[in-house]
Amino acid sequence: MSSHNEEQEIRPEKPPGRREMSRRQFLTYTLGGATAFMGAGVVLPMVRFAVDPILHKKSEGESIKVAEVSRITDQPQEFTFELKQQDGWYASTATLTAWIRKDENGEIYALSPICKHLGCVVGWNNNQSFPDEYHCPCHGARYTKSGENLAVAPKPLDQYVTEIRDGWVYLGGIVPNTIAGKEA
């Protein structure tokens, strides 16, 4: 009889090598990669669409020619002007209004007509009970000639950045009122 060790067949050892990929693993990797590629093809245009307006350079606010300096008096006058604006991909033209006047020093300034209470449009001298004031017809807010708040509204009327060039009044962006209280 032979011993137990002799009965074992001596098998040659395989050299260490790479592990082979099964068909199932190959299909899993191939289909997963193709799905990721197609998903990226769908998602990337959406991301580009959402991020594109942020990547565009913003232009400095332009001043808009509104009125001739010779037409401006010490009484507020209402002037309307158009502003071209771009909101994402939507281009539009907004019609805006400004109350423009000269102060006692001859300096020209323009006030926004938007009431600081709830955003209604104020008018000059449109309430006989309160002459020579801006009055809001919605909730009774009142303002002085310089836009200082007298009743209801928590803040003075905003003003436009004003520039005088070549005999014309140009208006820029809206800023907080710096002239309120300096009444003429």
N, C-alpha and C. Protein backbone atom coordinates (compact mmCIF):
# COMPACT_ATOMS: atom_id res chain seq x y z
N MET A 1 0.81 -1.17 0.00
CA MET A 1 0.00 0.00 0.00
C MET A 1 0.85 1.23 0.00
N SER A 2 0.26 2.17 -0.55
CA SER A 2 1.00 3.41 -0.63
C SER A 2 0.49 4.38 0.42
N SER A 3 1.30 5.26 0.75
CA SER A 3 0.91 6.23 1.78
C SER A 3 0.00 7.31 1.18
N HIS A 4 -0.59 7.99 2.08
CA HIS A 4 -1.57 9.02 1.70
C HIS A 4 -0.91 10.11 0.85
N ASN A 5 0.31 10.43 1.14
CA ASN A 5 1.01 11.46 0.39
C ASN A 5 1.29 11.01 -1.03
N GLU A 6 1.51 9.78 -1.21
CA GLU A 6 1.82 9.30 -2.55
C GLU A 6 0.58 9.31 -3.42
N GLU A 7 -0.55 9.15 -2.79
CA GLU A 7 -1.77 9.10 -3.57
C GLU A 7 -2.12 10.47 -4.17
N GLN A 8 -1.66 11.48 -3.54
CA GLN A 8 -1.95 12.81 -4.10
C GLN A 8 -1.19 13.01 -5.37
N GLU A 9 -1.89 13.58 -6.26
CA GLU A 9 -1.29 13.86 -7.54
C GLU A 9 -0.53 15.16 -7.43
N ILE A 10 0.56 15.22 -7.98
CA ILE A 10 1.34 16.44 -7.93
C ILE A 10 0.88 17.29 -9.12
N ARG A 11 0.33 18.42 -8.75
CA ARG A 11 -0.16 19.34 -9.78
C ARG A 11 0.84 20.49 -9.91
N PRO A 12 1.07 20.88 -11.13
CA PRO A 12 1.98 22.04 -11.29
C PRO A 12 1.26 23.32 -10.88
N GLU A 13 1.96 24.18 -10.18
CA GLU A 13 1.37 25.43 -9.73
C GLU A 13 1.29 26.41 -10.90
N LYS A 14 0.14 27.19 -10.91
CA LYS A 14 -0.01 28.22 -11.94
C LYS A 14 0.83 29.41 -11.53
N PRO A 15 1.47 30.03 -12.48
CA PRO A 15 2.23 31.24 -12.12
C PRO A 15 1.25 32.35 -11.74
N PRO A 16 1.63 33.16 -10.76
CA PRO A 16 0.73 34.26 -10.40
C PRO A 16 0.56 35.18 -11.61
N GLY A 17 -0.66 35.53 -11.90
CA GLY A 17 -0.94 36.38 -13.05
C GLY A 17 -2.15 37.23 -12.77
N ARG A 18 -2.65 37.82 -13.82
CA ARG A 18 -3.81 38.66 -13.58
C ARG A 18 -5.04 37.81 -13.55
N ARG A 19 -5.99 38.36 -12.85
CA ARG A 19 -7.26 37.69 -12.74
C ARG A 19 -8.05 37.93 -13.99
N GLU A 20 -8.67 36.98 -14.49
CA GLU A 20 -9.44 37.15 -15.71
C GLU A 20 -10.80 37.74 -15.38
N MET A 21 -11.32 38.52 -16.32
CA MET A 21 -12.61 39.16 -16.14
C MET A 21 -13.67 38.22 -16.71
N SER A 22 -14.72 38.08 -15.95
CA SER A 22 -15.80 37.23 -16.44
C SER A 22 -16.64 38.03 -17.43
N ARG A 23 -17.47 37.32 -18.16
CA ARG A 23 -18.36 38.00 -19.12
C ARG A 23 -19.32 38.92 -18.39
N ARG A 24 -19.77 38.50 -17.26
CA ARG A 24 -20.72 39.32 -16.49
C ARG A 24 -20.07 40.64 -16.06
N GLN A 25 -18.83 40.58 -15.58
CA GLN A 25 -18.13 41.80 -15.19
C GLN A 25 -17.90 42.71 -16.39
N PHE A 26 -17.53 42.13 -17.52
CA PHE A 26 -17.30 42.91 -18.73
C PHE A 26 -18.57 43.66 -19.13
N LEU A 27 -19.70 42.94 -19.14
CA LEU A 27 -20.96 43.59 -19.51
C LEU A 27 -21.36 44.66 -18.49
N THR A 28 -21.13 44.42 -17.21
CA THR A 28 -21.45 45.40 -16.18
C THR A 28 -20.64 46.68 -16.39
N TYR A 29 -19.34 46.55 -16.59
CA TYR A 29 -18.49 47.71 -16.80
C TYR A 29 -18.85 48.44 -18.09
N THR A 30 -19.09 47.70 -19.14
CA THR A 30 -19.41 48.31 -20.44
C THR A 30 -20.74 49.06 -20.38
N LEU A 31 -21.77 48.41 -19.83
CA LEU A 31 -23.07 49.07 -19.75
C LEU A 31 -23.04 50.24 -18.77
N GLY A 32 -22.34 50.12 -17.67
CA GLY A 32 -22.23 51.21 -16.71
C GLY A 32 -21.51 52.41 -17.32
N GLY A 33 -20.44 52.19 -18.05
CA GLY A 33 -19.72 53.28 -18.71
C GLY A 33 -20.56 53.95 -19.77
N ALA A 34 -21.27 53.16 -20.57
CA ALA A 34 -22.13 53.72 -21.62
C ALA A 34 -23.27 54.53 -21.01
N THR A 35 -23.84 54.04 -19.90
CA THR A 35 -24.92 54.77 -19.23
C THR A 35 -24.41 56.09 -18.66
N ALA A 36 -23.23 56.09 -18.04
CA ALA A 36 -22.65 57.31 -17.49
C ALA A 36 -22.36 58.31 -18.61
N PHE A 37 -21.85 57.84 -19.74
CA PHE A 37 -21.55 58.71 -20.88
C PHE A 37 -22.83 59.35 -21.42
N MET A 38 -23.90 58.56 -21.57
CA MET A 38 -25.16 59.10 -22.07
C MET A 38 -25.80 60.04 -21.04
N GLY A 39 -25.69 59.71 -19.76
CA GLY A 39 -26.22 60.59 -18.72
C GLY A 39 -25.50 61.93 -18.71
N ALA A 40 -24.19 61.91 -18.88
CA ALA A 40 -23.42 63.16 -18.94
C ALA A 40 -23.85 63.98 -20.16
N GLY A 41 -24.15 63.29 -21.26
CA GLY A 41 -24.61 63.99 -22.46
C GLY A 41 -25.94 64.69 -22.25
N VAL A 42 -26.76 64.20 -21.35
CA VAL A 42 -28.04 64.83 -21.06
C VAL A 42 -27.87 65.93 -19.99
N VAL A 43 -27.07 65.68 -18.97
CA VAL A 43 -26.94 66.60 -17.84
C VAL A 43 -26.07 67.82 -18.16
N LEU A 44 -24.99 67.65 -18.89
CA LEU A 44 -24.08 68.77 -19.15
C LEU A 44 -24.74 69.94 -19.87
N PRO A 45 -25.56 69.73 -20.90
CA PRO A 45 -26.23 70.90 -21.50
C PRO A 45 -27.15 71.63 -20.52
N MET A 46 -27.80 70.89 -19.62
CA MET A 46 -28.66 71.54 -18.63
C MET A 46 -27.82 72.38 -17.67
N VAL A 47 -26.68 71.89 -17.24
CA VAL A 47 -25.79 72.64 -16.36
C VAL A 47 -25.29 73.87 -17.09
N ARG A 48 -24.89 73.72 -18.33
CA ARG A 48 -24.42 74.86 -19.13
C ARG A 48 -25.52 75.93 -19.25
N PHE A 49 -26.75 75.48 -19.50
CA PHE A 49 -27.89 76.39 -19.63
C PHE A 49 -28.10 77.18 -18.35
N ALA A 50 -27.96 76.53 -17.20
CA ALA A 50 -28.19 77.18 -15.92
C ALA A 50 -27.05 78.13 -15.54
N VAL A 51 -25.83 77.80 -15.91
CA VAL A 51 -24.66 78.55 -15.48
C VAL A 51 -24.27 79.64 -16.48
N ASP A 52 -24.70 79.56 -17.72
CA ASP A 52 -24.25 80.47 -18.77
C ASP A 52 -24.46 81.95 -18.44
N PRO A 53 -25.62 82.38 -17.93
CA PRO A 53 -25.77 83.81 -17.62
C PRO A 53 -24.77 84.31 -16.58
N ILE A 54 -24.34 83.45 -15.69
CA ILE A 54 -23.38 83.84 -14.66
C ILE A 54 -22.01 84.09 -15.29
N LEU A 55 -21.69 83.35 -16.34
CA LEU A 55 -20.38 83.45 -16.97
C LEU A 55 -20.24 84.69 -17.86
N HIS A 56 -21.35 85.27 -18.29
CA HIS A 56 -21.28 86.46 -19.14
C HIS A 56 -20.80 87.65 -18.35
N LYS A 57 -19.99 88.46 -19.01
CA LYS A 57 -19.48 89.67 -18.39
C LYS A 57 -20.62 90.66 -18.20
N LYS A 58 -20.71 91.23 -17.01
CA LYS A 58 -21.74 92.23 -16.77
C LYS A 58 -21.19 93.59 -17.17
N SER A 59 -21.99 94.33 -17.90
CA SER A 59 -21.56 95.66 -18.33
C SER A 59 -21.84 96.66 -17.21
N GLU A 60 -21.06 97.71 -17.21
CA GLU A 60 -21.29 98.78 -16.25
C GLU A 60 -22.62 99.43 -16.57
N GLY A 61 -23.30 99.90 -15.56
CA GLY A 61 -24.57 100.56 -15.79
C GLY A 61 -24.38 101.81 -16.64
N GLU A 62 -25.13 101.91 -17.68
CA GLU A 62 -25.02 103.06 -18.56
C GLU A 62 -25.94 104.17 -18.08
N SER A 63 -25.53 105.40 -18.36
CA SER A 63 -26.40 106.53 -18.10
C SER A 63 -27.29 106.74 -19.31
N ILE A 64 -28.51 107.18 -19.06
CA ILE A 64 -29.49 107.36 -20.12
C ILE A 64 -29.86 108.84 -20.21
N LYS A 65 -29.84 109.36 -21.44
CA LYS A 65 -30.21 110.75 -21.69
C LYS A 65 -31.71 110.90 -21.44
N VAL A 66 -32.07 111.83 -20.53
CA VAL A 66 -33.47 111.95 -20.13
C VAL A 66 -34.07 113.31 -20.49
N ALA A 67 -33.40 114.41 -20.15
CA ALA A 67 -34.02 115.73 -20.35
C ALA A 67 -32.95 116.78 -20.60
N GLU A 68 -33.36 117.85 -21.28
CA GLU A 68 -32.47 118.99 -21.47
C GLU A 68 -32.36 119.77 -20.16
N VAL A 69 -31.17 120.25 -19.86
CA VAL A 69 -30.94 121.00 -18.63
C VAL A 69 -31.80 122.27 -18.62
N SER A 70 -32.01 122.89 -19.78
CA SER A 70 -32.78 124.14 -19.85
C SER A 70 -34.24 123.95 -19.43
N ARG A 71 -34.76 122.73 -19.47
CA ARG A 71 -36.15 122.47 -19.10
C ARG A 71 -36.34 122.24 -17.60
N ILE A 72 -35.26 122.09 -16.86
CA ILE A 72 -35.34 121.77 -15.43
C ILE A 72 -35.54 123.05 -14.62
N THR A 73 -36.52 123.02 -13.72
CA THR A 73 -36.82 124.17 -12.86
C THR A 73 -36.67 123.75 -11.40
N ASP A 74 -37.05 124.66 -10.50
CA ASP A 74 -36.98 124.33 -9.07
C ASP A 74 -38.20 123.52 -8.61
N GLN A 75 -39.18 123.35 -9.49
CA GLN A 75 -40.34 122.50 -9.18
C GLN A 75 -40.12 121.12 -9.79
N PRO A 76 -40.42 120.05 -9.05
CA PRO A 76 -40.23 118.71 -9.59
C PRO A 76 -41.07 118.50 -10.86
N GLN A 77 -40.45 117.92 -11.86
CA GLN A 77 -41.13 117.58 -13.11
C GLN A 77 -40.95 116.10 -13.38
N GLU A 78 -42.00 115.50 -13.89
CA GLU A 78 -41.97 114.06 -14.18
C GLU A 78 -41.44 113.83 -15.58
N PHE A 79 -40.41 112.98 -15.70
CA PHE A 79 -39.84 112.61 -16.99
C PHE A 79 -39.85 111.10 -17.09
N THR A 80 -40.25 110.59 -18.25
CA THR A 80 -40.20 109.14 -18.48
C THR A 80 -39.08 108.85 -19.48
N PHE A 81 -38.50 107.69 -19.34
CA PHE A 81 -37.42 107.27 -20.24
C PHE A 81 -37.44 105.76 -20.33
N GLU A 82 -36.78 105.24 -21.38
CA GLU A 82 -36.76 103.79 -21.60
C GLU A 82 -35.39 103.23 -21.28
N LEU A 83 -35.39 102.05 -20.71
CA LEU A 83 -34.17 101.36 -20.33
C LEU A 83 -34.19 99.97 -20.94
N LYS A 84 -33.18 99.67 -21.76
CA LYS A 84 -33.07 98.33 -22.33
C LYS A 84 -32.40 97.44 -21.29
N GLN A 85 -33.01 96.28 -21.04
CA GLN A 85 -32.46 95.39 -20.02
C GLN A 85 -32.42 93.96 -20.53
N GLN A 86 -31.49 93.20 -20.00
CA GLN A 86 -31.29 91.80 -20.37
C GLN A 86 -31.41 90.98 -19.10
N ASP A 87 -32.37 90.06 -19.08
CA ASP A 87 -32.57 89.19 -17.94
C ASP A 87 -32.36 87.76 -18.41
N GLY A 88 -31.15 87.25 -18.20
CA GLY A 88 -30.82 85.93 -18.73
C GLY A 88 -30.82 86.00 -20.25
N TRP A 89 -31.75 85.32 -20.88
CA TRP A 89 -31.84 85.34 -22.34
C TRP A 89 -32.96 86.25 -22.81
N TYR A 90 -33.69 86.88 -21.90
CA TYR A 90 -34.84 87.68 -22.24
C TYR A 90 -34.45 89.16 -22.29
N ALA A 91 -34.55 89.75 -23.47
CA ALA A 91 -34.27 91.18 -23.62
C ALA A 91 -35.60 91.93 -23.63
N SER A 92 -35.64 93.04 -22.89
CA SER A 92 -36.88 93.81 -22.85
C SER A 92 -36.54 95.29 -22.68
N THR A 93 -37.55 96.11 -22.82
CA THR A 93 -37.42 97.55 -22.62
C THR A 93 -38.39 97.96 -21.53
N ALA A 94 -37.86 98.58 -20.49
CA ALA A 94 -38.69 99.05 -19.37
C ALA A 94 -38.87 100.55 -19.48
N THR A 95 -40.07 101.02 -19.21
CA THR A 95 -40.33 102.45 -19.17
C THR A 95 -40.29 102.89 -17.72
N LEU A 96 -39.36 103.80 -17.41
CA LEU A 96 -39.16 104.27 -16.05
C LEU A 96 -39.51 105.75 -15.95
N THR A 97 -39.70 106.21 -14.73
CA THR A 97 -40.05 107.60 -14.47
C THR A 97 -39.11 108.18 -13.43
N ALA A 98 -38.83 109.46 -13.55
CA ALA A 98 -38.03 110.17 -12.56
C ALA A 98 -38.63 111.55 -12.33
N TRP A 99 -38.55 112.03 -11.09
CA TRP A 99 -38.94 113.39 -10.75
C TRP A 99 -37.65 114.19 -10.67
N ILE A 100 -37.47 115.16 -11.59
CA ILE A 100 -36.21 115.91 -11.68
C ILE A 100 -36.47 117.38 -11.34
N ARG A 101 -35.53 117.95 -10.57
CA ARG A 101 -35.62 119.38 -10.22
C ARG A 101 -34.25 119.91 -9.86
N LYS A 102 -34.17 121.25 -9.76
CA LYS A 102 -32.95 121.92 -9.29
C LYS A 102 -33.16 122.30 -7.83
N ASP A 103 -32.08 122.23 -7.04
CA ASP A 103 -32.18 122.70 -5.66
C ASP A 103 -31.81 124.18 -5.61
N GLU A 104 -31.73 124.78 -4.42
CA GLU A 104 -31.45 126.22 -4.29
C GLU A 104 -30.06 126.59 -4.78
N ASN A 105 -29.15 125.62 -4.87
CA ASN A 105 -27.80 125.88 -5.37
C ASN A 105 -27.70 125.66 -6.87
N GLY A 106 -28.79 125.29 -7.51
CA GLY A 106 -28.78 125.05 -8.95
C GLY A 106 -28.35 123.65 -9.34
N GLU A 107 -28.13 122.79 -8.35
CA GLU A 107 -27.75 121.41 -8.65
C GLU A 107 -28.99 120.62 -9.02
N ILE A 108 -28.85 119.76 -10.03
CA ILE A 108 -29.97 118.97 -10.51
C ILE A 108 -29.91 117.59 -9.89
N TYR A 109 -31.06 117.14 -9.42
CA TYR A 109 -31.15 115.77 -8.91
C TYR A 109 -32.47 115.16 -9.33
N ALA A 110 -32.51 113.84 -9.31
CA ALA A 110 -33.71 113.10 -9.75
C ALA A 110 -34.08 112.08 -8.69
N LEU A 111 -35.38 112.03 -8.40
CA LEU A 111 -35.89 111.09 -7.41
C LEU A 111 -36.69 109.98 -8.10
N SER A 112 -36.61 108.80 -7.54
CA SER A 112 -37.42 107.68 -8.01
C SER A 112 -38.85 107.88 -7.51
N PRO A 113 -39.86 107.57 -8.32
CA PRO A 113 -41.24 107.75 -7.88
C PRO A 113 -41.81 106.58 -7.09
N ILE A 114 -40.99 105.60 -6.76
CA ILE A 114 -41.46 104.40 -6.06
C ILE A 114 -41.51 104.65 -4.56
N CYS A 115 -42.70 104.57 -4.00
CA CYS A 115 -42.91 104.79 -2.58
C CYS A 115 -42.17 103.73 -1.76
N LYS A 116 -41.53 104.16 -0.69
CA LYS A 116 -40.76 103.25 0.15
C LYS A 116 -41.63 102.50 1.16
N HIS A 117 -42.93 102.73 1.11
CA HIS A 117 -43.83 102.00 2.00
C HIS A 117 -44.17 100.65 1.40
N LEU A 118 -44.91 100.66 0.30
CA LEU A 118 -45.28 99.39 -0.34
C LEU A 118 -45.09 99.39 -1.87
N GLY A 119 -44.34 100.35 -2.38
CA GLY A 119 -43.97 100.31 -3.79
C GLY A 119 -44.95 100.92 -4.78
N CYS A 120 -45.90 101.70 -4.33
CA CYS A 120 -46.79 102.40 -5.26
C CYS A 120 -46.03 103.58 -5.88
N VAL A 121 -46.64 104.24 -6.84
CA VAL A 121 -46.00 105.36 -7.52
C VAL A 121 -46.51 106.67 -6.92
N VAL A 122 -45.57 107.51 -6.48
CA VAL A 122 -45.94 108.80 -5.89
C VAL A 122 -46.09 109.86 -6.97
N GLY A 123 -46.86 110.88 -6.66
CA GLY A 123 -47.03 112.01 -7.55
C GLY A 123 -46.72 113.30 -6.82
N TRP A 124 -46.35 114.34 -7.58
CA TRP A 124 -46.03 115.64 -6.98
C TRP A 124 -47.27 116.50 -6.96
N ASN A 125 -47.57 117.07 -5.82
CA ASN A 125 -48.66 118.03 -5.68
C ASN A 125 -50.01 117.45 -6.10
N ASN A 126 -50.20 116.17 -5.88
CA ASN A 126 -51.46 115.55 -6.30
C ASN A 126 -52.47 115.39 -5.15
N ASN A 127 -52.18 116.00 -4.01
CA ASN A 127 -53.12 115.98 -2.88
C ASN A 127 -53.26 117.41 -2.37
N GLN A 128 -54.45 118.00 -2.52
CA GLN A 128 -54.66 119.40 -2.14
C GLN A 128 -54.53 119.63 -0.64
N SER A 129 -54.68 118.60 0.15
CA SER A 129 -54.53 118.75 1.60
C SER A 129 -53.07 118.95 2.00
N PHE A 130 -52.15 118.48 1.16
CA PHE A 130 -50.72 118.58 1.44
C PHE A 130 -50.02 119.16 0.22
N PRO A 131 -50.06 120.49 0.03
CA PRO A 131 -49.44 121.09 -1.16
C PRO A 131 -47.92 121.01 -1.10
N ASP A 132 -47.30 121.04 -2.28
CA ASP A 132 -45.85 121.00 -2.44
C ASP A 132 -45.20 119.80 -1.77
N GLU A 133 -45.84 118.66 -1.91
CA GLU A 133 -45.29 117.40 -1.38
C GLU A 133 -45.55 116.29 -2.39
N TYR A 134 -44.72 115.27 -2.30
CA TYR A 134 -45.00 114.03 -3.03
C TYR A 134 -46.02 113.27 -2.19
N HIS A 135 -46.99 112.68 -2.85
CA HIS A 135 -48.03 111.97 -2.12
C HIS A 135 -48.25 110.61 -2.78
N CYS A 136 -48.36 109.58 -1.96
CA CYS A 136 -48.66 108.23 -2.46
C CYS A 136 -50.15 107.99 -2.32
N PRO A 137 -50.85 107.71 -3.43
CA PRO A 137 -52.29 107.53 -3.37
C PRO A 137 -52.71 106.20 -2.73
N CYS A 138 -51.80 105.26 -2.60
CA CYS A 138 -52.17 103.94 -2.07
C CYS A 138 -52.43 103.96 -0.56
N HIS A 139 -51.48 104.49 0.20
CA HIS A 139 -51.60 104.42 1.66
C HIS A 139 -51.30 105.73 2.35
N GLY A 140 -51.22 106.83 1.60
CA GLY A 140 -51.06 108.14 2.21
C GLY A 140 -49.67 108.54 2.61
N ALA A 141 -48.65 107.88 2.10
CA ALA A 141 -47.28 108.29 2.42
C ALA A 141 -47.03 109.66 1.80
N ARG A 142 -46.23 110.48 2.50
CA ARG A 142 -45.92 111.83 2.02
C ARG A 142 -44.42 112.07 2.12
N TYR A 143 -43.92 112.89 1.16
CA TYR A 143 -42.50 113.20 1.09
C TYR A 143 -42.31 114.67 0.77
N THR A 144 -41.20 115.27 1.22
CA THR A 144 -40.86 116.65 0.88
C THR A 144 -40.31 116.72 -0.54
N LYS A 145 -39.97 117.94 -0.99
CA LYS A 145 -39.38 118.13 -2.32
C LYS A 145 -38.10 117.33 -2.51
N SER A 146 -37.33 117.19 -1.45
CA SER A 146 -36.06 116.46 -1.53
C SER A 146 -36.24 114.96 -1.31
N GLY A 147 -37.48 114.53 -1.09
CA GLY A 147 -37.76 113.10 -0.94
C GLY A 147 -37.75 112.61 0.48
N GLU A 148 -37.62 113.51 1.45
CA GLU A 148 -37.61 113.10 2.86
C GLU A 148 -39.00 112.60 3.25
N ASN A 149 -39.05 111.47 3.95
CA ASN A 149 -40.33 110.89 4.34
C ASN A 149 -40.96 111.69 5.49
N LEU A 150 -42.26 111.97 5.34
CA LEU A 150 -43.00 112.72 6.35
C LEU A 150 -44.00 111.85 7.09
N ALA A 151 -44.65 110.94 6.37
CA ALA A 151 -45.68 110.12 6.98
C ALA A 151 -45.71 108.75 6.33
N VAL A 152 -45.99 107.74 7.10
CA VAL A 152 -46.21 106.34 6.71
C VAL A 152 -44.93 105.63 6.25
N ALA A 153 -44.24 106.16 5.27
CA ALA A 153 -43.08 105.47 4.69
C ALA A 153 -41.90 105.46 5.67
N PRO A 154 -41.16 104.34 5.72
CA PRO A 154 -40.05 104.23 6.67
C PRO A 154 -38.76 104.93 6.22
N LYS A 155 -38.61 105.20 4.90
CA LYS A 155 -37.38 105.78 4.38
C LYS A 155 -37.70 106.85 3.35
N PRO A 156 -36.71 107.72 3.04
CA PRO A 156 -36.93 108.70 1.98
C PRO A 156 -36.94 108.04 0.60
N LEU A 157 -37.47 108.78 -0.38
CA LEU A 157 -37.46 108.28 -1.76
C LEU A 157 -36.03 108.09 -2.22
N ASP A 158 -35.78 107.07 -3.01
CA ASP A 158 -34.45 106.85 -3.57
C ASP A 158 -34.19 107.90 -4.65
N GLN A 159 -32.92 108.05 -5.00
CA GLN A 159 -32.59 108.99 -6.06
C GLN A 159 -31.76 108.29 -7.14
N TYR A 160 -31.79 108.89 -8.31
CA TYR A 160 -30.99 108.39 -9.43
C TYR A 160 -29.62 109.05 -9.39
N VAL A 161 -28.61 108.31 -9.85
CA VAL A 161 -27.30 108.91 -10.06
C VAL A 161 -27.46 109.86 -11.24
N THR A 162 -27.13 111.13 -11.05
CA THR A 162 -27.37 112.17 -12.06
C THR A 162 -26.05 112.68 -12.61
N GLU A 163 -26.03 112.87 -13.92
CA GLU A 163 -24.84 113.39 -14.58
C GLU A 163 -25.30 114.41 -15.62
N ILE A 164 -24.59 115.52 -15.73
CA ILE A 164 -24.90 116.56 -16.70
C ILE A 164 -23.80 116.53 -17.77
N ARG A 165 -24.20 116.34 -19.03
CA ARG A 165 -23.26 116.32 -20.16
C ARG A 165 -23.89 116.99 -21.36
N ASP A 166 -23.16 117.87 -21.97
CA ASP A 166 -23.57 118.50 -23.24
C ASP A 166 -24.98 119.08 -23.16
N GLY A 167 -25.34 119.67 -22.04
CA GLY A 167 -26.64 120.29 -21.90
C GLY A 167 -27.79 119.33 -21.67
N TRP A 168 -27.48 118.10 -21.33
CA TRP A 168 -28.51 117.08 -21.08
C TRP A 168 -28.33 116.48 -19.69
N VAL A 169 -29.44 116.04 -19.11
CA VAL A 169 -29.42 115.32 -17.84
C VAL A 169 -29.42 113.84 -18.16
N TYR A 170 -28.41 113.13 -17.65
CA TYR A 170 -28.31 111.68 -17.81
C TYR A 170 -28.57 111.04 -16.45
N LEU A 171 -29.33 109.97 -16.46
CA LEU A 171 -29.62 109.25 -15.22
C LEU A 171 -28.99 107.87 -15.26
N GLY A 172 -28.45 107.47 -14.10
CA GLY A 172 -27.85 106.15 -13.96
C GLY A 172 -28.67 105.30 -13.03
N GLY A 173 -27.99 104.54 -12.19
CA GLY A 173 -28.67 103.63 -11.28
C GLY A 173 -29.35 104.34 -10.12
N ILE A 174 -30.15 103.60 -9.39
CA ILE A 174 -30.86 104.13 -8.23
C ILE A 174 -30.02 103.88 -6.99
N VAL A 175 -29.88 104.92 -6.17
CA VAL A 175 -29.08 104.84 -4.93
C VAL A 175 -29.92 105.40 -3.78
N PRO A 176 -29.55 105.11 -2.54
CA PRO A 176 -30.27 105.71 -1.41
C PRO A 176 -30.16 107.23 -1.44
N ASN A 177 -31.17 107.90 -0.95
CA ASN A 177 -31.28 109.35 -1.00
C ASN A 177 -30.21 110.00 -0.12
N THR A 178 -29.43 110.94 -0.72
CA THR A 178 -28.41 111.67 0.02
C THR A 178 -28.78 113.12 0.23
N ILE A 179 -29.90 113.57 -0.35
CA ILE A 179 -30.29 114.98 -0.29
C ILE A 179 -31.47 115.22 0.64
N ALA A 180 -32.07 114.16 1.16
CA ALA A 180 -33.25 114.32 2.02
C ALA A 180 -32.91 115.17 3.23
N GLY A 181 -33.77 116.12 3.54
CA GLY A 181 -33.55 117.00 4.68
C GLY A 181 -32.89 118.31 4.28
N LYS A 182 -32.31 118.38 3.08
CA LYS A 182 -31.68 119.61 2.60
C LYS A 182 -32.71 120.34 1.74
N GLU A 183 -33.77 120.74 2.37
CA GLU A 183 -34.94 121.30 1.68
C GLU A 183 -34.66 122.70 1.16
N ALA A 184 -35.16 122.94 -0.06
CA ALA A 184 -35.03 124.27 -0.65
C ALA A 184 -36.20 125.14 -0.27
